[in-house]
Amino acid sequence: MKKHVTFLLICFAVVLTVASIGQAQKKITGPWLWMIAPTAAGQGGAASTDIDTLAKASGGSVTAAGVAKNGVKAGDKCGKLNWTWGELSATGGNNVNDIVTKIGLGKGDINDHDSWAYLELDASAKKGVTAKAGSDDSVVVWLNGKVVHKNAVNRGAGDFQDTFKVDLIDGINRLLVKVGEKGGGWSMFIGIDANFNVVAVESAGKLSTTWADIKNR
């Protein structure tokens, strides 16, 4: 009987360890530079996954491809809004809506919009790095100008859901994430299993500096 109980306890400990490893990926909370852009009415989330709402909002002066490749700075305009700093909560099923309303990009329960979040990571070159994403609803991730993950889906999210691989380069890595919101909660979770510093992208005319603390918890 004692051996049986001991075996069960060992099995339980192993399960807990595996579960802990699965949740060990750290979430990148930023600070991110944020922008939101409307979709067509009733066409948020999965339906807008492949639509460049930055280009639509700005009359073509700002594009997803341009931001993904060249970056953006605090205060830069896209239509009537400015790219604005905000730190994302690592928990919750409405963390995007919470932050974009807090920093003044929108009000109340926002639907039929895309959020666009940009930041720069100072890292060492490494190939085949595991990355994770969770989103409510759809998600597209660019790294250094290239789409590295896309999931055209309408879903809820309170944590990571998708796993994919990325290649980091030496120095500055530009990360852009689009999350399409159809209705209900609006959330985003991004993690990259590597050592890096989040870089503060200053307003035009100022040099970028590394944040004193690594904001990737």
N, C-alpha and C. Protein backbone atom coordinates (compact mmCIF):
# COMPACT_ATOMS: atom_id res chain seq x y z
N MET A 1 0.83 -1.20 0.00
CA MET A 1 0.00 0.00 0.00
C MET A 1 0.88 1.26 0.00
N LYS A 2 1.91 1.25 0.87
CA LYS A 2 2.81 2.41 0.94
C LYS A 2 3.50 2.64 -0.40
N LYS A 3 3.92 1.53 -1.06
CA LYS A 3 4.59 1.65 -2.35
C LYS A 3 3.64 2.25 -3.38
N HIS A 4 2.38 1.84 -3.33
CA HIS A 4 1.38 2.35 -4.27
C HIS A 4 1.17 3.85 -4.07
N VAL A 5 1.06 4.27 -2.81
CA VAL A 5 0.88 5.69 -2.51
C VAL A 5 2.09 6.50 -2.94
N THR A 6 3.28 5.95 -2.67
CA THR A 6 4.52 6.64 -3.07
C THR A 6 4.58 6.81 -4.58
N PHE A 7 4.19 5.76 -5.30
CA PHE A 7 4.19 5.83 -6.78
C PHE A 7 3.23 6.90 -7.28
N LEU A 8 2.04 6.97 -6.68
CA LEU A 8 1.07 7.98 -7.08
C LEU A 8 1.58 9.40 -6.81
N LEU A 9 2.26 9.57 -5.66
CA LEU A 9 2.81 10.88 -5.32
C LEU A 9 3.89 11.29 -6.31
N ILE A 10 4.72 10.34 -6.69
CA ILE A 10 5.77 10.63 -7.67
C ILE A 10 5.16 11.03 -9.01
N CYS A 11 4.13 10.29 -9.43
CA CYS A 11 3.46 10.61 -10.69
C CYS A 11 2.85 12.01 -10.65
N PHE A 12 2.24 12.35 -9.51
CA PHE A 12 1.63 13.66 -9.34
C PHE A 12 2.68 14.75 -9.41
N ALA A 13 3.83 14.52 -8.79
CA ALA A 13 4.92 15.50 -8.81
C ALA A 13 5.44 15.72 -10.23
N VAL A 14 5.54 14.63 -10.99
CA VAL A 14 6.01 14.73 -12.37
C VAL A 14 5.03 15.56 -13.21
N VAL A 15 3.73 15.30 -13.03
CA VAL A 15 2.71 16.06 -13.76
C VAL A 15 2.81 17.55 -13.44
N LEU A 16 2.96 17.88 -12.16
CA LEU A 16 3.09 19.27 -11.76
C LEU A 16 4.32 19.92 -12.36
N THR A 17 5.42 19.18 -12.41
CA THR A 17 6.66 19.70 -12.98
C THR A 17 6.51 20.00 -14.45
N VAL A 18 5.91 19.07 -15.19
CA VAL A 18 5.68 19.26 -16.62
C VAL A 18 4.79 20.46 -16.87
N ALA A 19 3.73 20.58 -16.07
CA ALA A 19 2.81 21.72 -16.20
C ALA A 19 3.53 23.02 -15.93
N SER A 20 4.41 23.01 -14.92
CA SER A 20 5.16 24.22 -14.58
C SER A 20 6.09 24.62 -15.71
N ILE A 21 6.75 23.62 -16.32
CA ILE A 21 7.63 23.91 -17.45
C ILE A 21 6.84 24.50 -18.59
N GLY A 22 5.64 23.98 -18.84
CA GLY A 22 4.81 24.46 -19.92
C GLY A 22 4.39 25.91 -19.74
N GLN A 23 4.30 26.37 -18.49
CA GLN A 23 3.89 27.74 -18.22
C GLN A 23 5.08 28.67 -17.95
N ALA A 24 6.31 28.15 -18.15
CA ALA A 24 7.50 28.91 -17.74
C ALA A 24 7.84 30.05 -18.69
N GLN A 25 7.31 30.02 -19.93
CA GLN A 25 7.59 31.08 -20.88
C GLN A 25 7.17 32.43 -20.31
N LYS A 26 8.08 33.40 -20.34
CA LYS A 26 7.78 34.73 -19.80
C LYS A 26 7.02 35.57 -20.82
N LYS A 27 6.08 36.37 -20.35
CA LYS A 27 5.31 37.25 -21.23
C LYS A 27 6.03 38.58 -21.36
N ILE A 28 6.07 39.09 -22.58
CA ILE A 28 6.67 40.40 -22.83
C ILE A 28 5.60 41.45 -22.58
N THR A 29 5.74 42.18 -21.48
CA THR A 29 4.74 43.18 -21.13
C THR A 29 5.09 44.57 -21.67
N GLY A 30 6.31 44.73 -22.15
CA GLY A 30 6.70 46.01 -22.74
C GLY A 30 7.63 46.81 -21.84
N PRO A 31 7.47 48.12 -21.87
CA PRO A 31 6.42 48.90 -22.53
C PRO A 31 6.41 48.75 -24.06
N TRP A 32 5.20 48.65 -24.61
CA TRP A 32 4.98 48.61 -26.04
C TRP A 32 4.53 50.00 -26.51
N LEU A 33 4.77 50.26 -27.79
CA LEU A 33 4.15 51.41 -28.45
C LEU A 33 2.85 50.92 -29.08
N TRP A 34 1.73 51.60 -28.77
CA TRP A 34 0.41 51.13 -29.17
C TRP A 34 -0.25 52.05 -30.19
N MET A 35 -1.03 51.39 -31.06
CA MET A 35 -1.91 52.09 -31.99
C MET A 35 -3.14 51.20 -32.17
N ILE A 36 -4.30 51.81 -32.38
CA ILE A 36 -5.49 51.05 -32.75
C ILE A 36 -6.04 51.61 -34.05
N ALA A 37 -6.70 50.75 -34.83
CA ALA A 37 -7.28 51.17 -36.10
C ALA A 37 -8.57 50.41 -36.33
N PRO A 38 -9.61 51.07 -36.82
CA PRO A 38 -10.89 50.40 -37.00
C PRO A 38 -10.91 49.47 -38.20
N THR A 39 -11.74 48.44 -38.08
CA THR A 39 -12.03 47.57 -39.22
C THR A 39 -13.39 48.00 -39.79
N ALA A 40 -13.81 47.35 -40.84
CA ALA A 40 -15.17 47.57 -41.31
C ALA A 40 -16.15 47.05 -40.24
N ALA A 41 -17.32 47.65 -40.16
CA ALA A 41 -18.31 47.25 -39.16
C ALA A 41 -18.63 45.77 -39.26
N GLY A 42 -18.52 45.08 -38.12
CA GLY A 42 -18.81 43.65 -38.07
C GLY A 42 -17.74 42.78 -38.67
N GLN A 43 -16.60 43.37 -39.06
CA GLN A 43 -15.53 42.61 -39.72
C GLN A 43 -14.23 42.60 -38.92
N GLY A 44 -14.34 42.73 -37.59
CA GLY A 44 -13.14 42.63 -36.76
C GLY A 44 -12.73 41.19 -36.55
N GLY A 45 -11.61 41.00 -35.87
CA GLY A 45 -11.14 39.64 -35.58
C GLY A 45 -10.62 38.93 -36.81
N ALA A 46 -11.02 37.67 -36.97
CA ALA A 46 -10.51 36.82 -38.05
C ALA A 46 -10.70 37.44 -39.43
N ALA A 47 -11.82 38.12 -39.63
CA ALA A 47 -12.13 38.68 -40.94
C ALA A 47 -11.15 39.76 -41.38
N SER A 48 -10.48 40.40 -40.43
CA SER A 48 -9.57 41.50 -40.78
C SER A 48 -8.10 41.09 -40.70
N THR A 49 -7.83 39.81 -40.52
CA THR A 49 -6.46 39.35 -40.29
C THR A 49 -5.49 39.84 -41.36
N ASP A 50 -5.88 39.76 -42.62
CA ASP A 50 -4.97 40.11 -43.71
C ASP A 50 -5.17 41.53 -44.23
N ILE A 51 -5.93 42.34 -43.51
CA ILE A 51 -6.18 43.72 -43.93
C ILE A 51 -5.27 44.67 -43.17
N ASP A 52 -4.59 45.55 -43.89
CA ASP A 52 -3.69 46.53 -43.27
C ASP A 52 -4.51 47.74 -42.82
N THR A 53 -5.02 47.68 -41.61
CA THR A 53 -5.85 48.78 -41.10
C THR A 53 -5.01 50.01 -40.75
N LEU A 54 -3.71 49.84 -40.55
CA LEU A 54 -2.85 51.02 -40.38
C LEU A 54 -2.87 51.87 -41.65
N ALA A 55 -2.75 51.22 -42.80
CA ALA A 55 -2.75 51.92 -44.07
C ALA A 55 -4.09 52.61 -44.31
N LYS A 56 -5.18 51.91 -43.96
CA LYS A 56 -6.51 52.50 -44.14
C LYS A 56 -6.71 53.71 -43.24
N ALA A 57 -6.26 53.61 -41.99
CA ALA A 57 -6.45 54.70 -41.03
C ALA A 57 -5.61 55.92 -41.38
N SER A 58 -4.46 55.69 -42.01
CA SER A 58 -3.52 56.79 -42.28
C SER A 58 -3.56 57.27 -43.72
N GLY A 59 -4.44 56.71 -44.53
CA GLY A 59 -4.46 57.08 -45.94
C GLY A 59 -3.23 56.61 -46.68
N GLY A 60 -2.60 55.56 -46.16
CA GLY A 60 -1.44 54.97 -46.83
C GLY A 60 -0.10 55.49 -46.37
N SER A 61 -0.08 56.47 -45.48
CA SER A 61 1.20 57.03 -45.04
C SER A 61 1.90 56.14 -44.01
N VAL A 62 1.15 55.29 -43.33
CA VAL A 62 1.70 54.31 -42.40
C VAL A 62 1.21 52.93 -42.83
N THR A 63 2.12 51.98 -42.94
CA THR A 63 1.73 50.63 -43.35
C THR A 63 2.30 49.60 -42.39
N ALA A 64 1.67 48.45 -42.34
CA ALA A 64 2.17 47.36 -41.51
C ALA A 64 3.57 46.94 -41.94
N ALA A 65 3.78 46.84 -43.24
CA ALA A 65 5.09 46.44 -43.75
C ALA A 65 6.17 47.44 -43.37
N GLY A 66 5.82 48.73 -43.43
CA GLY A 66 6.78 49.76 -43.09
C GLY A 66 7.15 49.76 -41.62
N VAL A 67 6.16 49.62 -40.74
CA VAL A 67 6.44 49.57 -39.31
C VAL A 67 7.22 48.32 -38.96
N ALA A 68 6.83 47.18 -39.55
CA ALA A 68 7.50 45.92 -39.25
C ALA A 68 8.98 45.95 -39.65
N LYS A 69 9.29 46.63 -40.74
CA LYS A 69 10.66 46.68 -41.25
C LYS A 69 11.48 47.80 -40.64
N ASN A 70 10.88 48.98 -40.50
CA ASN A 70 11.65 50.17 -40.11
C ASN A 70 11.35 50.68 -38.71
N GLY A 71 10.28 50.17 -38.08
CA GLY A 71 9.93 50.59 -36.74
C GLY A 71 9.10 51.86 -36.73
N VAL A 72 8.80 52.32 -35.53
CA VAL A 72 8.02 53.54 -35.32
C VAL A 72 8.50 54.16 -34.01
N LYS A 73 8.25 55.44 -33.82
CA LYS A 73 8.69 56.11 -32.60
C LYS A 73 7.50 56.69 -31.85
N ALA A 74 7.69 56.87 -30.55
CA ALA A 74 6.65 57.45 -29.71
C ALA A 74 6.24 58.81 -30.27
N GLY A 75 4.95 59.05 -30.39
CA GLY A 75 4.45 60.31 -30.88
C GLY A 75 4.19 60.35 -32.36
N ASP A 76 4.72 59.38 -33.12
CA ASP A 76 4.43 59.32 -34.55
C ASP A 76 2.92 59.17 -34.76
N LYS A 77 2.41 59.78 -35.83
CA LYS A 77 0.98 59.76 -36.07
C LYS A 77 0.57 58.63 -37.01
N CYS A 78 -0.66 58.17 -36.80
CA CYS A 78 -1.33 57.26 -37.74
C CYS A 78 -2.77 57.73 -37.79
N GLY A 79 -3.15 58.43 -38.84
CA GLY A 79 -4.46 59.05 -38.88
C GLY A 79 -4.55 60.13 -37.82
N LYS A 80 -5.56 60.04 -36.95
CA LYS A 80 -5.78 61.05 -35.91
C LYS A 80 -5.11 60.69 -34.58
N LEU A 81 -4.47 59.52 -34.51
CA LEU A 81 -3.89 59.06 -33.25
C LEU A 81 -2.37 59.06 -33.29
N ASN A 82 -1.75 59.02 -32.12
CA ASN A 82 -0.30 58.95 -32.00
C ASN A 82 0.11 57.63 -31.36
N TRP A 83 1.22 57.06 -31.82
CA TRP A 83 1.77 55.87 -31.18
C TRP A 83 2.14 56.24 -29.74
N THR A 84 1.64 55.44 -28.80
CA THR A 84 1.72 55.82 -27.39
C THR A 84 2.23 54.65 -26.54
N TRP A 85 3.09 54.98 -25.56
CA TRP A 85 3.63 53.97 -24.65
C TRP A 85 2.54 53.38 -23.75
N GLY A 86 2.66 52.08 -23.48
CA GLY A 86 1.80 51.44 -22.50
C GLY A 86 2.32 50.07 -22.15
N GLU A 87 2.30 49.74 -20.87
CA GLU A 87 2.76 48.43 -20.43
C GLU A 87 1.57 47.49 -20.29
N LEU A 88 1.66 46.35 -20.93
CA LEU A 88 0.58 45.38 -20.98
C LEU A 88 0.57 44.49 -19.75
N SER A 89 -0.60 44.25 -19.20
CA SER A 89 -0.71 43.31 -18.09
C SER A 89 -0.41 41.89 -18.58
N ALA A 90 0.27 41.11 -17.75
CA ALA A 90 0.60 39.73 -18.11
C ALA A 90 -0.57 38.78 -17.89
N THR A 91 -1.65 39.27 -17.31
CA THR A 91 -2.81 38.42 -17.02
C THR A 91 -4.09 39.12 -17.47
N GLY A 92 -5.17 38.33 -17.51
CA GLY A 92 -6.47 38.90 -17.82
C GLY A 92 -6.91 38.65 -19.24
N GLY A 93 -8.22 38.62 -19.45
CA GLY A 93 -8.77 38.37 -20.77
C GLY A 93 -9.17 39.62 -21.52
N ASN A 94 -8.79 40.79 -20.99
CA ASN A 94 -9.16 42.06 -21.64
C ASN A 94 -8.02 43.07 -21.53
N ASN A 95 -6.77 42.56 -21.48
CA ASN A 95 -5.64 43.44 -21.18
C ASN A 95 -5.35 44.47 -22.28
N VAL A 96 -5.67 44.14 -23.53
CA VAL A 96 -5.47 45.12 -24.60
C VAL A 96 -6.47 46.27 -24.47
N ASN A 97 -7.74 45.93 -24.30
CA ASN A 97 -8.74 46.98 -24.13
C ASN A 97 -8.40 47.86 -22.93
N ASP A 98 -7.91 47.22 -21.85
CA ASP A 98 -7.55 47.98 -20.65
C ASP A 98 -6.45 48.99 -20.93
N ILE A 99 -5.40 48.58 -21.65
CA ILE A 99 -4.26 49.47 -21.84
C ILE A 99 -4.55 50.56 -22.88
N VAL A 100 -5.26 50.22 -23.96
CA VAL A 100 -5.48 51.25 -24.99
C VAL A 100 -6.47 52.32 -24.50
N THR A 101 -7.38 51.94 -23.60
CA THR A 101 -8.26 52.96 -23.02
C THR A 101 -7.52 53.77 -21.96
N LYS A 102 -6.63 53.12 -21.22
CA LYS A 102 -5.86 53.81 -20.19
C LYS A 102 -4.98 54.90 -20.78
N ILE A 103 -4.37 54.63 -21.94
CA ILE A 103 -3.45 55.60 -22.54
C ILE A 103 -4.15 56.55 -23.51
N GLY A 104 -5.47 56.44 -23.61
CA GLY A 104 -6.24 57.43 -24.35
C GLY A 104 -6.44 57.19 -25.83
N LEU A 105 -6.20 55.97 -26.32
CA LEU A 105 -6.41 55.70 -27.73
C LEU A 105 -7.88 55.38 -28.04
N GLY A 106 -8.64 55.00 -27.02
CA GLY A 106 -10.05 54.69 -27.21
C GLY A 106 -10.79 54.78 -25.90
N LYS A 107 -12.11 54.55 -25.96
CA LYS A 107 -12.94 54.62 -24.76
C LYS A 107 -13.87 53.42 -24.68
N GLY A 108 -14.11 52.97 -23.44
CA GLY A 108 -15.11 51.94 -23.19
C GLY A 108 -14.75 50.59 -23.77
N ASP A 109 -15.77 49.80 -24.10
CA ASP A 109 -15.60 48.47 -24.68
C ASP A 109 -15.46 48.61 -26.19
N ILE A 110 -14.23 48.46 -26.68
CA ILE A 110 -13.94 48.70 -28.10
C ILE A 110 -14.09 47.41 -28.89
N ASN A 111 -14.86 47.47 -29.97
CA ASN A 111 -15.04 46.33 -30.86
C ASN A 111 -14.71 46.72 -32.29
N ASP A 112 -14.54 45.71 -33.16
CA ASP A 112 -14.24 45.95 -34.57
C ASP A 112 -13.06 46.89 -34.75
N HIS A 113 -11.96 46.57 -34.07
CA HIS A 113 -10.70 47.31 -34.16
C HIS A 113 -9.53 46.33 -34.16
N ASP A 114 -8.42 46.78 -34.70
CA ASP A 114 -7.14 46.07 -34.56
C ASP A 114 -6.26 46.85 -33.59
N SER A 115 -5.58 46.15 -32.71
CA SER A 115 -4.50 46.78 -31.93
C SER A 115 -3.19 46.46 -32.63
N TRP A 116 -2.30 47.43 -32.61
CA TRP A 116 -0.96 47.27 -33.16
C TRP A 116 0.03 47.61 -32.05
N ALA A 117 0.90 46.68 -31.71
CA ALA A 117 1.86 46.86 -30.62
C ALA A 117 3.27 46.65 -31.16
N TYR A 118 4.15 47.62 -30.90
CA TYR A 118 5.52 47.56 -31.43
C TYR A 118 6.53 47.77 -30.30
N LEU A 119 7.61 46.98 -30.36
CA LEU A 119 8.76 47.25 -29.50
C LEU A 119 10.02 46.67 -30.12
N GLU A 120 11.16 47.01 -29.52
CA GLU A 120 12.45 46.53 -30.01
C GLU A 120 13.16 45.76 -28.91
N LEU A 121 13.75 44.65 -29.29
CA LEU A 121 14.47 43.78 -28.37
C LEU A 121 15.94 43.79 -28.73
N ASP A 122 16.78 44.03 -27.75
CA ASP A 122 18.23 43.95 -27.94
C ASP A 122 18.66 42.54 -27.53
N ALA A 123 19.11 41.74 -28.49
CA ALA A 123 19.39 40.32 -28.23
C ALA A 123 20.62 39.86 -29.00
N SER A 124 21.05 38.66 -28.69
CA SER A 124 22.12 38.00 -29.44
C SER A 124 21.50 37.09 -30.50
N ALA A 125 22.20 36.89 -31.59
CA ALA A 125 21.70 36.05 -32.68
C ALA A 125 21.45 34.63 -32.20
N LYS A 126 20.29 34.11 -32.55
CA LYS A 126 19.94 32.74 -32.19
C LYS A 126 18.83 32.25 -33.10
N LYS A 127 19.01 31.07 -33.68
CA LYS A 127 18.02 30.53 -34.61
C LYS A 127 17.12 29.51 -33.91
N GLY A 128 15.90 29.39 -34.43
CA GLY A 128 14.98 28.38 -33.94
C GLY A 128 14.52 28.59 -32.52
N VAL A 129 14.35 29.84 -32.11
CA VAL A 129 13.94 30.15 -30.74
C VAL A 129 12.42 29.93 -30.61
N THR A 130 12.02 29.30 -29.53
CA THR A 130 10.59 29.08 -29.29
C THR A 130 9.91 30.37 -28.88
N ALA A 131 8.81 30.67 -29.54
CA ALA A 131 7.99 31.84 -29.20
C ALA A 131 6.55 31.38 -29.00
N LYS A 132 5.79 32.16 -28.23
CA LYS A 132 4.41 31.81 -27.96
C LYS A 132 3.52 33.04 -28.07
N ALA A 133 2.26 32.78 -28.40
CA ALA A 133 1.28 33.86 -28.51
C ALA A 133 -0.07 33.39 -28.02
N GLY A 134 -0.82 34.31 -27.46
CA GLY A 134 -2.22 34.10 -27.13
C GLY A 134 -2.96 35.35 -27.55
N SER A 135 -4.19 35.22 -28.01
CA SER A 135 -4.88 36.41 -28.53
C SER A 135 -6.39 36.25 -28.50
N ASP A 136 -7.04 37.37 -28.32
CA ASP A 136 -8.49 37.50 -28.44
C ASP A 136 -8.72 38.77 -29.26
N ASP A 137 -8.94 38.71 -30.61
CA ASP A 137 -9.23 37.45 -31.29
C ASP A 137 -8.02 37.00 -32.14
N SER A 138 -7.95 37.44 -33.39
CA SER A 138 -6.91 36.98 -34.31
C SER A 138 -5.57 37.63 -34.01
N VAL A 139 -4.48 37.02 -34.53
CA VAL A 139 -3.14 37.55 -34.24
C VAL A 139 -2.24 37.40 -35.45
N VAL A 140 -1.40 38.41 -35.69
CA VAL A 140 -0.30 38.35 -36.66
C VAL A 140 0.93 38.90 -35.97
N VAL A 141 2.06 38.20 -36.12
CA VAL A 141 3.31 38.62 -35.49
C VAL A 141 4.38 38.78 -36.57
N TRP A 142 5.02 39.95 -36.58
CA TRP A 142 6.16 40.20 -37.46
C TRP A 142 7.42 40.31 -36.61
N LEU A 143 8.52 39.78 -37.11
CA LEU A 143 9.83 39.98 -36.48
C LEU A 143 10.82 40.36 -37.56
N ASN A 144 11.43 41.53 -37.39
CA ASN A 144 12.41 42.04 -38.35
C ASN A 144 11.86 42.06 -39.78
N GLY A 145 10.62 42.54 -39.89
CA GLY A 145 10.02 42.76 -41.19
C GLY A 145 9.31 41.59 -41.82
N LYS A 146 9.36 40.42 -41.17
CA LYS A 146 8.75 39.23 -41.75
C LYS A 146 7.65 38.68 -40.85
N VAL A 147 6.57 38.20 -41.45
CA VAL A 147 5.52 37.53 -40.68
C VAL A 147 6.05 36.19 -40.18
N VAL A 148 6.06 36.01 -38.86
CA VAL A 148 6.57 34.76 -38.29
C VAL A 148 5.45 33.92 -37.68
N HIS A 149 4.26 34.52 -37.57
CA HIS A 149 3.12 33.76 -37.04
C HIS A 149 1.82 34.47 -37.41
N LYS A 150 0.82 33.67 -37.77
CA LYS A 150 -0.50 34.22 -38.08
C LYS A 150 -1.56 33.20 -37.71
N ASN A 151 -2.61 33.65 -37.05
CA ASN A 151 -3.73 32.78 -36.72
C ASN A 151 -5.02 33.58 -36.86
N ALA A 152 -5.73 33.32 -37.96
CA ALA A 152 -6.98 34.00 -38.24
C ALA A 152 -8.11 33.27 -37.52
N VAL A 153 -8.38 33.69 -36.30
CA VAL A 153 -9.32 32.96 -35.45
C VAL A 153 -10.09 33.95 -34.58
N ASN A 154 -11.30 33.58 -34.24
CA ASN A 154 -12.06 34.32 -33.22
C ASN A 154 -12.11 33.46 -31.97
N ARG A 155 -11.51 33.94 -30.89
CA ARG A 155 -11.38 33.14 -29.68
C ARG A 155 -11.16 34.05 -28.48
N GLY A 156 -11.31 33.50 -27.30
CA GLY A 156 -10.92 34.18 -26.08
C GLY A 156 -9.51 33.77 -25.69
N ALA A 157 -8.87 34.57 -24.84
CA ALA A 157 -7.50 34.23 -24.41
C ALA A 157 -7.18 34.86 -23.08
N GLY A 158 -6.59 34.04 -22.19
CA GLY A 158 -6.09 34.53 -20.93
C GLY A 158 -4.65 34.11 -20.71
N ASP A 159 -4.06 33.50 -21.75
CA ASP A 159 -2.68 33.01 -21.65
C ASP A 159 -2.21 32.61 -23.05
N PHE A 160 -1.01 32.00 -23.12
CA PHE A 160 -0.48 31.53 -24.39
C PHE A 160 -1.36 30.42 -24.98
N GLN A 161 -1.45 30.41 -26.32
CA GLN A 161 -2.19 29.37 -27.03
C GLN A 161 -1.41 28.78 -28.20
N ASP A 162 -0.61 29.60 -28.88
CA ASP A 162 0.12 29.18 -30.07
C ASP A 162 1.62 29.13 -29.80
N THR A 163 2.30 28.16 -30.41
CA THR A 163 3.75 28.05 -30.31
C THR A 163 4.35 28.07 -31.70
N PHE A 164 5.42 28.82 -31.89
CA PHE A 164 6.08 28.92 -33.19
C PHE A 164 7.57 29.19 -32.98
N LYS A 165 8.34 29.23 -34.05
CA LYS A 165 9.79 29.44 -33.97
C LYS A 165 10.18 30.76 -34.62
N VAL A 166 11.20 31.42 -34.05
CA VAL A 166 11.70 32.66 -34.64
C VAL A 166 13.23 32.63 -34.64
N ASP A 167 13.82 33.46 -35.51
CA ASP A 167 15.26 33.64 -35.56
C ASP A 167 15.59 35.06 -35.10
N LEU A 168 16.38 35.18 -34.05
CA LEU A 168 16.82 36.49 -33.57
C LEU A 168 18.13 36.87 -34.23
N ILE A 169 18.32 38.17 -34.43
CA ILE A 169 19.58 38.66 -34.99
C ILE A 169 20.36 39.39 -33.90
N ASP A 170 21.66 39.61 -34.13
CA ASP A 170 22.48 40.35 -33.18
C ASP A 170 22.04 41.81 -33.13
N GLY A 171 21.79 42.31 -31.93
CA GLY A 171 21.40 43.70 -31.79
C GLY A 171 19.90 43.89 -31.75
N ILE A 172 19.41 44.91 -32.47
CA ILE A 172 18.00 45.28 -32.39
C ILE A 172 17.12 44.37 -33.24
N ASN A 173 16.10 43.81 -32.60
CA ASN A 173 15.09 42.99 -33.27
C ASN A 173 13.75 43.72 -33.16
N ARG A 174 13.13 44.01 -34.30
CA ARG A 174 11.87 44.75 -34.32
C ARG A 174 10.69 43.79 -34.28
N LEU A 175 9.83 43.97 -33.28
CA LEU A 175 8.69 43.07 -33.06
C LEU A 175 7.39 43.86 -33.18
N LEU A 176 6.51 43.42 -34.07
CA LEU A 176 5.21 44.06 -34.28
C LEU A 176 4.12 42.99 -34.15
N VAL A 177 3.09 43.30 -33.38
CA VAL A 177 1.99 42.35 -33.15
C VAL A 177 0.66 43.04 -33.41
N LYS A 178 -0.15 42.41 -34.25
CA LYS A 178 -1.50 42.88 -34.53
C LYS A 178 -2.50 41.91 -33.92
N VAL A 179 -3.44 42.42 -33.14
CA VAL A 179 -4.52 41.58 -32.60
C VAL A 179 -5.85 42.16 -33.05
N GLY A 180 -6.62 41.37 -33.78
CA GLY A 180 -7.91 41.82 -34.27
C GLY A 180 -9.01 41.53 -33.27
N GLU A 181 -9.81 42.52 -32.98
CA GLU A 181 -10.90 42.38 -32.01
C GLU A 181 -12.25 42.44 -32.72
N LYS A 182 -13.04 41.38 -32.55
CA LYS A 182 -14.40 41.36 -33.09
C LYS A 182 -15.41 41.82 -32.05
N GLY A 183 -15.34 41.23 -30.85
CA GLY A 183 -16.26 41.61 -29.78
C GLY A 183 -15.90 40.87 -28.51
N GLY A 184 -16.42 41.33 -27.39
CA GLY A 184 -16.10 40.71 -26.11
C GLY A 184 -14.74 41.15 -25.61
N GLY A 185 -13.97 40.20 -25.05
CA GLY A 185 -12.63 40.50 -24.55
C GLY A 185 -11.66 40.82 -25.67
N TRP A 186 -10.56 41.50 -25.29
CA TRP A 186 -9.52 41.89 -26.26
C TRP A 186 -8.19 41.72 -25.54
N SER A 187 -7.43 40.69 -25.91
CA SER A 187 -6.22 40.39 -25.14
C SER A 187 -5.07 39.93 -26.03
N MET A 188 -3.86 40.05 -25.48
CA MET A 188 -2.64 39.68 -26.21
C MET A 188 -1.59 39.19 -25.23
N PHE A 189 -0.93 38.09 -25.58
CA PHE A 189 0.17 37.54 -24.79
C PHE A 189 1.26 37.08 -25.76
N ILE A 190 2.48 37.59 -25.57
CA ILE A 190 3.60 37.27 -26.44
C ILE A 190 4.81 36.92 -25.58
N GLY A 191 5.51 35.85 -25.95
CA GLY A 191 6.73 35.47 -25.24
C GLY A 191 7.76 34.91 -26.19
N ILE A 192 9.03 35.17 -25.91
CA ILE A 192 10.15 34.63 -26.70
C ILE A 192 11.15 34.04 -25.72
N ASP A 193 11.51 32.79 -25.91
CA ASP A 193 12.37 32.07 -24.96
C ASP A 193 13.84 32.38 -25.22
N ALA A 194 14.23 33.61 -24.87
CA ALA A 194 15.62 34.04 -25.07
C ALA A 194 15.91 35.19 -24.11
N ASN A 195 17.18 35.48 -23.93
CA ASN A 195 17.58 36.64 -23.12
C ASN A 195 17.61 37.89 -24.00
N PHE A 196 16.98 38.95 -23.53
CA PHE A 196 16.95 40.20 -24.29
C PHE A 196 16.63 41.35 -23.36
N ASN A 197 16.90 42.55 -23.84
CA ASN A 197 16.46 43.78 -23.18
C ASN A 197 15.44 44.47 -24.07
N VAL A 198 14.39 45.00 -23.49
CA VAL A 198 13.44 45.83 -24.22
C VAL A 198 14.03 47.22 -24.34
N VAL A 199 14.04 47.77 -25.56
CA VAL A 199 14.65 49.07 -25.83
C VAL A 199 13.57 50.14 -25.87
N ALA A 200 13.85 51.28 -25.26
CA ALA A 200 12.91 52.40 -25.28
C ALA A 200 13.05 53.14 -26.60
N VAL A 201 12.00 53.08 -27.41
CA VAL A 201 12.02 53.78 -28.70
C VAL A 201 11.55 55.20 -28.46
N GLU A 202 12.52 56.12 -28.41
CA GLU A 202 12.20 57.50 -28.06
C GLU A 202 11.50 58.23 -29.21
N SER A 203 10.96 59.38 -28.92
CA SER A 203 10.33 60.20 -29.96
C SER A 203 11.37 60.67 -30.96
N ALA A 204 10.92 61.12 -32.11
CA ALA A 204 11.82 61.53 -33.18
C ALA A 204 12.85 62.55 -32.67
N GLY A 205 14.11 62.35 -33.08
CA GLY A 205 15.17 63.27 -32.68
C GLY A 205 15.93 62.84 -31.45
N LYS A 206 15.44 61.78 -30.76
CA LYS A 206 16.12 61.29 -29.57
C LYS A 206 16.67 59.89 -29.83
N LEU A 207 17.74 59.54 -29.14
CA LEU A 207 18.33 58.23 -29.30
C LEU A 207 17.58 57.19 -28.49
N SER A 208 17.57 55.95 -29.00
CA SER A 208 16.96 54.86 -28.25
C SER A 208 17.87 54.45 -27.10
N THR A 209 17.28 54.13 -25.96
CA THR A 209 18.05 53.69 -24.81
C THR A 209 17.45 52.41 -24.26
N THR A 210 18.28 51.62 -23.60
CA THR A 210 17.81 50.38 -23.03
C THR A 210 17.15 50.64 -21.68
N TRP A 211 15.98 50.03 -21.44
CA TRP A 211 15.32 50.19 -20.16
C TRP A 211 16.19 49.60 -19.05
N ALA A 212 16.15 50.21 -17.88
CA ALA A 212 16.96 49.74 -16.75
C ALA A 212 16.57 48.33 -16.35
N ASP A 213 15.28 48.02 -16.43
CA ASP A 213 14.82 46.67 -16.08
C ASP A 213 14.39 45.96 -17.34
N ILE A 214 14.59 44.66 -17.38
CA ILE A 214 14.13 43.86 -18.49
C ILE A 214 12.63 43.63 -18.32
N LYS A 215 11.83 44.19 -19.22
CA LYS A 215 10.38 44.14 -19.09
C LYS A 215 9.83 42.95 -19.87
N ASN A 216 10.24 41.75 -19.50
CA ASN A 216 9.73 40.57 -20.20
C ASN A 216 9.22 39.54 -19.22
N ARG A 217 8.60 40.00 -18.15
CA ARG A 217 8.07 39.06 -17.18
C ARG A 217 6.64 38.65 -17.56
